[in-house]
Amino acid sequence: MNTSEKADKGSLRFRYIKLCIFFSGLSVFAQLYLFQPLLPMVAEHFKTTVGDSSLLVSSTTIGMACGLLFFAFQADSYSRKKLMTFSLISSAFLTIISTWIPSLPLLIVIGVLKGFVVSGVSAVALAYLTEEVSSMVVPLAISMYLSGNTIGGMSGRISATILAGEFGWRNAVLIIGIESLLLGLVFWKLFPESKFFHPQKVDYSLKVKQMRVFLTDPYMLGLYGIAALLMGVFVSVYNYLTFRLEAAPFSLNHFVIAFIFLMYTFGVLGTMITSRLSGRFDKKYILKGAILCMLLGLCLLISTNIYLVISGLGIFTLSFFAAHTMASQMAALHAKQGKSSATSMYWLFYYFGSSFLGSATGYLLNATSWPIFTIVLIVSVGVSFLLTVTKNKQE
């Protein structure tokens, strides 16, 4: 097929792709971390601990990780549009159903299922854009998708906090579920079908061989370890900071706490800064610098001064997104063959780190205190820094 038929800037097809890919990111990440700001309310409602309530977030991310592993093998067997549409609409129904689930264990099971089905979008979105969009405007299309991810995660958390404070956490979940369903229906009606991809038979032996190569490569294992640790620490901070800000000495109300999640705008800034610096400096030094700044941000989070806490959260968030952007780029660039397998493994470690560390630190906080919790996070980030040093010796 003539590649000149690919969607180009100014065309109606490109406008539909850009709009719908933004909506897909908005829906996925609004649902993925929907319960994060609601954990104190959920813990109180079900009379459970901080750690148990955090499983609502971890269940969705572990479902996401399992789904990404599954789709690493199966994604090319399905139509891109049909897979993404199914993921968006089915996940929205699961979010709506969550409103009436009477027990925490069943709600956690629903979370695993939701994470699994919604991973279909992440598994093929970037592949669709590189296949269907003109190479000149692929960066613009990808930026729309990533913007949808960031804004979805931020707006989902903010709206969930505000809505839950006014109408209760179950009604907040229902409203966001309905909004996600509407976004899924718009996507189904407007998103263009693939012109340059057709479902194909999967070569399982090749996929397994590629993954084995990456899992025995010390350089890639270092990057995968960094992804798991940094994402686990990031999710831990945003999972439990709400509990701390509601308690003394801060005693903030839900409306003020909601706007803490505006810190995600610093994440966008971190990604932009990294993109600019990566053309001028060695990538490993950018990664090291970002991780060191994360350590600074975490140290400030120990403070009981609200201004220092907010400053620390801003530095921490900007640095995390910078480090994540750099590490994911390094993983993709290092893989000479099987780039999709390399990046799938990166995301797999990323979400498993989020699931395991994000819940384990909740039980730690419940049993100890905020300073000890933060020190453990500092140690985890310190280990990721050591991995960058070890990785340099392997280059």
Protein backbone atom coordinates (compact mmCIF):
# COMPACT_ATOMS: atom_id res chain seq x y z
CA MET A 1 0.00 0.00 0.00
CA ASN A 2 1.23 3.49 -0.83
CA THR A 3 2.65 5.08 2.32
CA SER A 4 1.57 8.48 1.04
CA GLU A 5 -1.94 7.41 2.10
CA LYS A 6 -0.91 7.62 5.75
CA ALA A 7 -2.77 10.22 7.79
CA ASP A 8 -1.07 13.60 7.57
CA LYS A 9 -1.46 16.86 9.45
CA GLY A 10 -4.56 18.75 8.35
CA SER A 11 -6.43 15.69 7.08
CA LEU A 12 -9.78 14.68 8.58
CA ARG A 13 -8.41 11.18 9.25
CA PHE A 14 -5.51 12.60 11.29
CA ARG A 15 -7.83 14.87 13.28
CA TYR A 16 -10.00 11.87 14.21
CA ILE A 17 -6.94 9.80 15.13
CA LYS A 18 -5.50 12.61 17.27
CA LEU A 19 -8.80 13.26 19.07
CA CYS A 20 -9.61 9.59 19.71
CA ILE A 21 -6.12 8.60 20.79
CA PHE A 22 -6.26 11.46 23.33
CA PHE A 23 -9.65 10.19 24.57
CA SER A 24 -8.27 6.66 24.91
CA GLY A 25 -5.41 7.82 27.13
CA LEU A 26 -7.82 9.98 29.12
CA SER A 27 -10.14 7.02 29.78
CA VAL A 28 -7.45 4.42 30.54
CA PHE A 29 -5.55 6.42 33.13
CA ALA A 30 -8.61 7.99 34.75
CA GLN A 31 -9.80 4.44 35.46
CA LEU A 32 -6.42 2.90 36.24
CA TYR A 33 -5.77 5.07 39.30
CA LEU A 34 -9.37 5.96 40.11
CA PHE A 35 -9.22 4.57 43.64
CA GLN A 36 -5.87 6.11 44.60
CA PRO A 37 -7.27 9.31 46.18
CA LEU A 38 -10.26 7.39 47.59
CA LEU A 39 -8.24 4.95 49.71
CA PRO A 40 -8.94 6.69 53.07
CA MET A 41 -12.71 6.62 52.39
CA VAL A 42 -12.60 3.00 51.20
CA ALA A 43 -10.54 1.93 54.23
CA GLU A 44 -13.06 3.60 56.55
CA HIS A 45 -16.07 2.16 54.68
CA PHE A 46 -14.79 -1.45 54.78
CA LYS A 47 -13.17 -1.06 58.26
CA THR A 48 -9.82 -2.21 56.94
CA THR A 49 -6.15 -1.20 57.02
CA VAL A 50 -4.19 1.17 54.81
CA GLY A 51 -2.37 -1.77 53.18
CA ASP A 52 -5.56 -3.72 52.43
CA SER A 53 -7.26 -0.72 50.84
CA SER A 54 -4.19 -0.09 48.66
CA LEU A 55 -4.85 -3.43 46.93
CA LEU A 56 -7.57 -1.60 44.98
CA VAL A 57 -4.81 0.29 43.15
CA SER A 58 -2.35 -2.59 43.00
CA SER A 59 -4.97 -5.02 41.69
CA THR A 60 -5.59 -2.83 38.65
CA THR A 61 -1.89 -2.34 37.91
CA ILE A 62 -1.11 -6.06 38.35
CA GLY A 63 -3.99 -6.80 35.97
CA MET A 64 -2.42 -4.29 33.60
CA ALA A 65 0.95 -6.07 33.86
CA CYS A 66 -0.61 -9.49 33.20
CA GLY A 67 -2.56 -8.05 30.27
CA LEU A 68 0.56 -6.51 28.75
CA LEU A 69 2.34 -9.88 28.99
CA PHE A 70 -0.62 -11.58 27.30
CA PHE A 71 -0.87 -8.96 24.55
CA ALA A 72 2.89 -9.05 23.98
CA PHE A 73 2.09 -12.40 22.34
CA GLN A 74 -1.49 -11.88 21.14
CA ALA A 75 -1.92 -8.21 20.16
CA ASP A 76 -1.06 -8.75 16.49
CA SER A 77 -3.80 -11.39 16.25
CA TYR A 78 -6.56 -8.78 16.59
CA SER A 79 -7.78 -5.72 14.72
CA ARG A 80 -6.20 -2.63 16.32
CA LYS A 81 -9.47 -0.70 16.50
CA LYS A 82 -11.56 -3.64 17.72
CA LEU A 83 -9.09 -4.45 20.49
CA MET A 84 -8.90 -0.84 21.69
CA THR A 85 -12.67 -0.36 21.50
CA PHE A 86 -13.30 -3.58 23.44
CA SER A 87 -10.76 -2.50 26.08
CA LEU A 88 -12.29 0.97 26.55
CA ILE A 89 -15.94 -0.10 26.68
CA SER A 90 -15.48 -3.27 28.78
CA SER A 91 -13.27 -1.47 31.31
CA ALA A 92 -15.88 1.29 31.64
CA PHE A 93 -18.58 -1.31 32.36
CA LEU A 94 -16.34 -2.87 35.03
CA THR A 95 -15.83 0.56 36.62
CA ILE A 96 -19.60 1.14 36.66
CA ILE A 97 -20.20 -2.33 38.14
CA SER A 98 -17.69 -1.49 40.91
CA THR A 99 -20.23 0.97 42.28
CA TRP A 100 -22.43 -1.85 43.60
CA ILE A 101 -19.78 -4.37 44.72
CA PRO A 102 -20.47 -5.09 48.43
CA SER A 103 -17.07 -6.44 49.55
CA LEU A 104 -13.44 -5.36 49.26
CA PRO A 105 -12.11 -8.77 48.00
CA LEU A 106 -14.64 -8.80 45.15
CA LEU A 107 -13.80 -5.18 44.34
CA ILE A 108 -10.13 -6.19 44.12
CA VAL A 109 -11.01 -9.02 41.69
CA ILE A 110 -12.91 -6.54 39.52
CA GLY A 111 -9.80 -4.34 39.60
CA VAL A 112 -7.60 -7.16 38.27
CA LEU A 113 -10.07 -7.81 35.42
CA LYS A 114 -10.28 -4.11 34.60
CA GLY A 115 -6.51 -3.74 34.49
CA PHE A 116 -6.25 -6.77 32.22
CA VAL A 117 -8.79 -5.59 29.64
CA VAL A 118 -7.66 -1.96 29.63
CA SER A 119 -4.09 -3.05 28.84
CA GLY A 120 -5.28 -3.73 25.30
CA VAL A 121 -5.12 0.00 24.61
CA SER A 122 -1.55 0.44 25.90
CA ALA A 123 -0.43 -2.69 24.04
CA VAL A 124 -1.27 -1.38 20.56
CA ALA A 125 -1.79 2.40 20.70
CA LEU A 126 1.79 3.37 19.82
CA ALA A 127 2.00 0.62 17.20
CA TYR A 128 -1.18 1.95 15.55
CA LEU A 129 0.19 5.50 15.44
CA THR A 130 3.50 4.47 13.83
CA GLU A 131 1.63 2.35 11.29
CA GLU A 132 -1.16 4.75 10.30
CA VAL A 133 0.26 8.27 10.73
CA SER A 134 2.76 10.03 8.47
CA SER A 135 6.28 9.91 9.94
CA MET A 136 6.36 13.74 9.98
CA VAL A 137 3.49 13.94 12.48
CA VAL A 138 4.01 10.73 14.50
CA PRO A 139 5.63 12.74 17.37
CA LEU A 140 2.56 15.00 17.50
CA ALA A 141 0.21 12.02 17.57
CA ILE A 142 2.23 10.27 20.28
CA SER A 143 2.34 13.47 22.36
CA MET A 144 -1.47 13.62 22.19
CA TYR A 145 -1.67 10.05 23.49
CA LEU A 146 0.82 10.69 26.31
CA SER A 147 -0.96 13.95 27.16
CA GLY A 148 -4.20 12.00 27.43
CA ASN A 149 -2.45 9.56 29.77
CA THR A 150 -1.13 12.32 32.03
CA ILE A 151 -4.28 14.46 32.01
CA GLY A 152 -6.44 11.35 32.49
CA GLY A 153 -4.43 10.29 35.52
CA MET A 154 -4.48 13.79 36.97
CA SER A 155 -8.11 14.68 36.24
CA GLY A 156 -9.33 11.25 37.34
CA ARG A 157 -7.69 11.67 40.73
CA ILE A 158 -8.87 15.27 41.17
CA SER A 159 -12.46 14.65 40.08
CA ALA A 160 -12.66 11.43 42.13
CA THR A 161 -11.54 13.29 45.27
CA ILE A 162 -13.95 16.20 44.77
CA LEU A 163 -16.92 14.03 43.74
CA ALA A 164 -16.34 11.59 46.61
CA GLY A 165 -16.23 14.46 49.09
CA GLU A 166 -19.56 15.78 47.83
CA PHE A 167 -21.48 12.61 46.87
CA GLY A 168 -19.62 9.67 48.41
CA TRP A 169 -16.93 7.45 46.90
CA ARG A 170 -19.35 5.03 45.21
CA ASN A 171 -21.09 7.83 43.29
CA ALA A 172 -17.68 9.20 42.30
CA VAL A 173 -16.78 5.81 40.82
CA LEU A 174 -20.13 5.66 39.00
CA ILE A 175 -19.73 9.12 37.45
CA ILE A 176 -16.20 8.41 36.21
CA GLY A 177 -17.35 5.03 34.88
CA ILE A 178 -20.14 6.69 32.87
CA GLU A 179 -17.75 9.33 31.53
CA SER A 180 -15.32 6.58 30.47
CA LEU A 181 -18.13 4.71 28.74
CA LEU A 182 -19.06 7.84 26.77
CA LEU A 183 -15.42 8.29 25.74
CA GLY A 184 -15.34 4.65 24.63
CA LEU A 185 -18.47 5.09 22.49
CA VAL A 186 -17.04 8.23 20.85
CA PHE A 187 -13.84 6.29 20.14
CA TRP A 188 -15.84 3.42 18.56
CA LYS A 189 -17.73 5.80 16.27
CA LEU A 190 -14.87 8.07 15.18
CA PHE A 191 -11.56 6.17 15.39
CA PRO A 192 -10.41 5.18 11.87
CA GLU A 193 -9.81 1.51 11.02
CA SER A 194 -6.24 0.42 10.25
CA LYS A 195 -5.12 0.68 6.62
CA PHE A 196 -1.59 -0.63 7.11
CA PHE A 197 -2.15 -3.49 9.53
CA HIS A 198 -4.06 -6.75 9.28
CA PRO A 199 -4.32 -9.40 12.03
CA GLN A 200 -1.67 -12.06 11.62
CA LYS A 201 -0.50 -15.35 13.06
CA VAL A 202 1.89 -14.96 15.98
CA ASP A 203 5.35 -16.57 15.94
CA TYR A 204 5.47 -17.60 19.61
CA SER A 205 8.95 -19.12 19.41
CA LEU A 206 10.39 -15.83 18.12
CA LYS A 207 8.67 -13.83 20.88
CA VAL A 208 9.95 -16.19 23.59
CA LYS A 209 13.47 -16.08 22.14
CA GLN A 210 13.46 -12.27 22.10
CA MET A 211 12.24 -12.05 25.69
CA ARG A 212 14.85 -14.57 26.85
CA VAL A 213 17.58 -12.44 25.29
CA PHE A 214 16.41 -9.32 27.13
CA LEU A 215 16.00 -11.13 30.46
CA THR A 216 19.60 -12.37 30.29
CA ASP A 217 21.03 -9.00 29.23
CA PRO A 218 22.46 -7.23 32.35
CA TYR A 219 22.00 -3.80 30.73
CA MET A 220 18.28 -4.39 30.09
CA LEU A 221 17.77 -6.06 33.46
CA GLY A 222 19.22 -2.94 35.10
CA LEU A 223 16.72 -0.73 33.26
CA TYR A 224 13.86 -3.09 34.12
CA GLY A 225 14.89 -3.01 37.79
CA ILE A 226 15.04 0.79 37.72
CA ALA A 227 11.54 0.93 36.16
CA ALA A 228 10.09 -1.39 38.83
CA LEU A 229 11.66 0.44 41.78
CA LEU A 230 10.93 3.99 40.64
CA MET A 231 7.32 3.28 39.69
CA GLY A 232 6.78 1.40 42.96
CA VAL A 233 8.07 4.40 44.92
CA PHE A 234 6.04 6.86 42.84
CA VAL A 235 2.78 4.99 43.37
CA SER A 236 3.55 4.55 47.08
CA VAL A 237 3.88 8.31 47.57
CA TYR A 238 0.64 9.12 45.76
CA ASN A 239 -1.22 6.22 47.39
CA TYR A 240 -0.55 7.28 50.96
CA LEU A 241 0.16 11.00 50.94
CA THR A 242 -3.61 11.58 51.13
CA PHE A 243 -3.74 9.72 54.46
CA ARG A 244 -0.97 11.90 55.84
CA LEU A 245 -2.42 15.20 54.64
CA GLU A 246 -5.82 14.38 56.20
CA ALA A 247 -4.19 13.76 59.58
CA ALA A 248 -2.45 16.14 62.00
CA PRO A 249 -0.46 18.35 61.73
CA PHE A 250 -1.88 19.19 58.27
CA SER A 251 -5.59 18.26 58.67
CA LEU A 252 -6.46 19.35 55.12
CA ASN A 253 -9.97 18.85 53.72
CA HIS A 254 -10.75 16.73 50.64
CA PHE A 255 -11.14 19.74 48.32
CA VAL A 256 -7.63 21.05 49.05
CA ILE A 257 -6.11 17.57 48.86
CA ALA A 258 -7.69 17.06 45.42
CA PHE A 259 -5.49 19.76 43.94
CA ILE A 260 -2.33 18.04 45.19
CA PHE A 261 -2.73 15.91 42.06
CA LEU A 262 -2.14 19.00 39.92
CA MET A 263 1.50 18.14 40.61
CA TYR A 264 1.18 15.85 37.60
CA THR A 265 1.70 18.95 35.48
CA PHE A 266 5.28 18.84 36.75
CA GLY A 267 5.44 15.36 35.20
CA VAL A 268 4.68 16.84 31.78
CA LEU A 269 7.45 19.39 32.38
CA GLY A 270 9.85 16.62 33.37
CA THR A 271 9.16 14.74 30.14
CA MET A 272 9.69 17.90 28.08
CA ILE A 273 12.96 18.75 29.83
CA THR A 274 14.26 15.22 29.30
CA SER A 275 13.39 15.29 25.61
CA ARG A 276 15.41 18.49 25.18
CA LEU A 277 18.39 17.38 27.25
CA SER A 278 18.66 13.93 25.62
CA GLY A 279 19.96 15.49 22.40
CA ARG A 280 22.74 17.36 24.23
CA PHE A 281 23.90 15.09 27.06
CA ASP A 282 24.65 11.42 27.62
CA LYS A 283 21.43 9.60 28.52
CA LYS A 284 22.93 7.76 31.48
CA TYR A 285 23.90 11.06 33.13
CA ILE A 286 20.40 12.45 32.64
CA LEU A 287 18.97 9.30 34.26
CA LYS A 288 21.37 9.57 37.20
CA GLY A 289 20.55 13.26 37.70
CA ALA A 290 16.80 12.59 37.65
CA ILE A 291 17.13 9.82 40.24
CA LEU A 292 19.21 12.04 42.53
CA CYS A 293 16.52 14.74 42.30
CA MET A 294 13.91 12.13 43.26
CA LEU A 295 15.94 11.49 46.41
CA LEU A 296 15.89 15.20 47.22
CA GLY A 297 12.12 15.35 46.76
CA LEU A 298 11.61 12.35 49.04
CA CYS A 299 13.75 13.91 51.77
CA LEU A 300 11.53 17.00 51.74
CA LEU A 301 8.41 14.82 52.12
CA ILE A 302 9.53 13.88 55.65
CA SER A 303 8.98 17.50 56.76
CA THR A 304 5.93 18.64 58.76
CA ASN A 305 5.98 22.00 56.93
CA ILE A 306 3.29 21.94 54.24
CA TYR A 307 5.28 24.20 51.91
CA LEU A 308 8.31 21.94 52.06
CA VAL A 309 6.07 18.91 51.45
CA ILE A 310 4.50 20.53 48.38
CA SER A 311 7.92 21.58 47.07
CA GLY A 312 9.23 18.07 47.65
CA LEU A 313 6.27 16.54 45.84
CA GLY A 314 6.83 18.85 42.85
CA ILE A 315 10.55 17.95 42.62
CA PHE A 316 9.80 14.26 43.14
CA THR A 317 7.07 14.17 40.44
CA LEU A 318 9.10 16.09 37.84
CA SER A 319 12.15 13.89 38.50
CA PHE A 320 10.18 10.63 38.33
CA PHE A 321 8.73 11.43 34.91
CA ALA A 322 12.14 12.56 33.69
CA ALA A 323 13.76 9.31 34.88
CA HIS A 324 10.95 7.15 33.48
CA THR A 325 11.10 8.90 30.09
CA MET A 326 14.87 8.42 29.94
CA ALA A 327 14.87 4.78 31.08
CA SER A 328 12.14 3.77 28.59
CA GLN A 329 14.03 5.49 25.76
CA MET A 330 17.24 3.71 26.72
CA ALA A 331 15.47 0.34 26.73
CA ALA A 332 14.00 0.92 23.26
CA LEU A 333 17.28 2.22 21.82
CA HIS A 334 19.41 -0.61 23.25
CA ALA A 335 17.22 -3.28 21.61
CA LYS A 336 18.51 -3.74 18.06
CA GLN A 337 15.86 -6.36 17.31
CA GLY A 338 12.50 -7.09 18.91
CA LYS A 339 11.89 -3.54 20.09
CA SER A 340 8.22 -4.30 20.83
CA SER A 341 9.26 -7.21 23.07
CA ALA A 342 11.87 -5.03 24.81
CA THR A 343 9.37 -2.28 25.57
CA SER A 344 6.68 -4.80 26.59
CA MET A 345 9.08 -6.23 29.16
CA TYR A 346 9.87 -2.70 30.38
CA TRP A 347 6.16 -1.99 30.96
CA LEU A 348 5.72 -5.40 32.59
CA PHE A 349 8.37 -4.63 35.23
CA TYR A 350 7.04 -1.08 35.54
CA TYR A 351 3.53 -2.21 36.52
CA PHE A 352 4.66 -5.15 38.66
CA GLY A 353 6.82 -2.70 40.62
CA SER A 354 3.79 -0.48 41.03
CA SER A 355 1.67 -3.40 42.27
CA PHE A 356 4.12 -5.02 44.68
CA LEU A 357 5.90 -2.03 46.21
CA GLY A 358 2.73 0.11 46.10
CA SER A 359 0.94 -2.34 48.44
CA ALA A 360 3.89 -3.53 50.54
CA THR A 361 4.70 0.02 51.63
CA GLY A 362 1.06 0.46 52.70
CA TYR A 363 1.41 -2.35 55.23
CA LEU A 364 4.73 -0.83 56.32
CA LEU A 365 3.11 2.58 56.89
CA ASN A 366 0.25 0.98 58.81
CA ALA A 367 2.74 -0.79 61.13
CA THR A 368 5.26 2.05 61.55
CA SER A 369 5.26 5.78 60.74
CA TRP A 370 5.58 8.23 57.85
CA PRO A 371 9.32 8.93 58.42
CA ILE A 372 10.17 5.19 58.36
CA PHE A 373 7.94 4.71 55.31
CA THR A 374 9.77 7.55 53.53
CA ILE A 375 13.21 6.23 54.49
CA VAL A 376 12.35 2.86 52.91
CA LEU A 377 11.35 4.69 49.73
CA ILE A 378 14.64 6.62 49.80
CA VAL A 379 16.54 3.32 50.10
CA SER A 380 14.58 1.90 47.13
CA VAL A 381 15.46 4.90 44.96
CA GLY A 382 19.06 4.61 46.19
CA VAL A 383 19.15 1.01 44.93
CA SER A 384 17.90 2.18 41.53
CA PHE A 385 20.77 4.71 41.46
CA LEU A 386 23.25 1.90 42.19
CA LEU A 387 21.78 0.02 39.22
CA THR A 388 22.70 2.95 36.97
CA VAL A 389 26.29 2.75 38.26
CA THR A 390 26.44 -1.02 37.70
CA LYS A 391 24.90 -0.60 34.26
CA ASN A 392 27.64 1.83 33.21
CA LYS A 393 30.26 -0.87 33.82
CA GLN A 394 28.36 -3.16 31.43
CA GLU A 395 28.34 -0.70 28.53
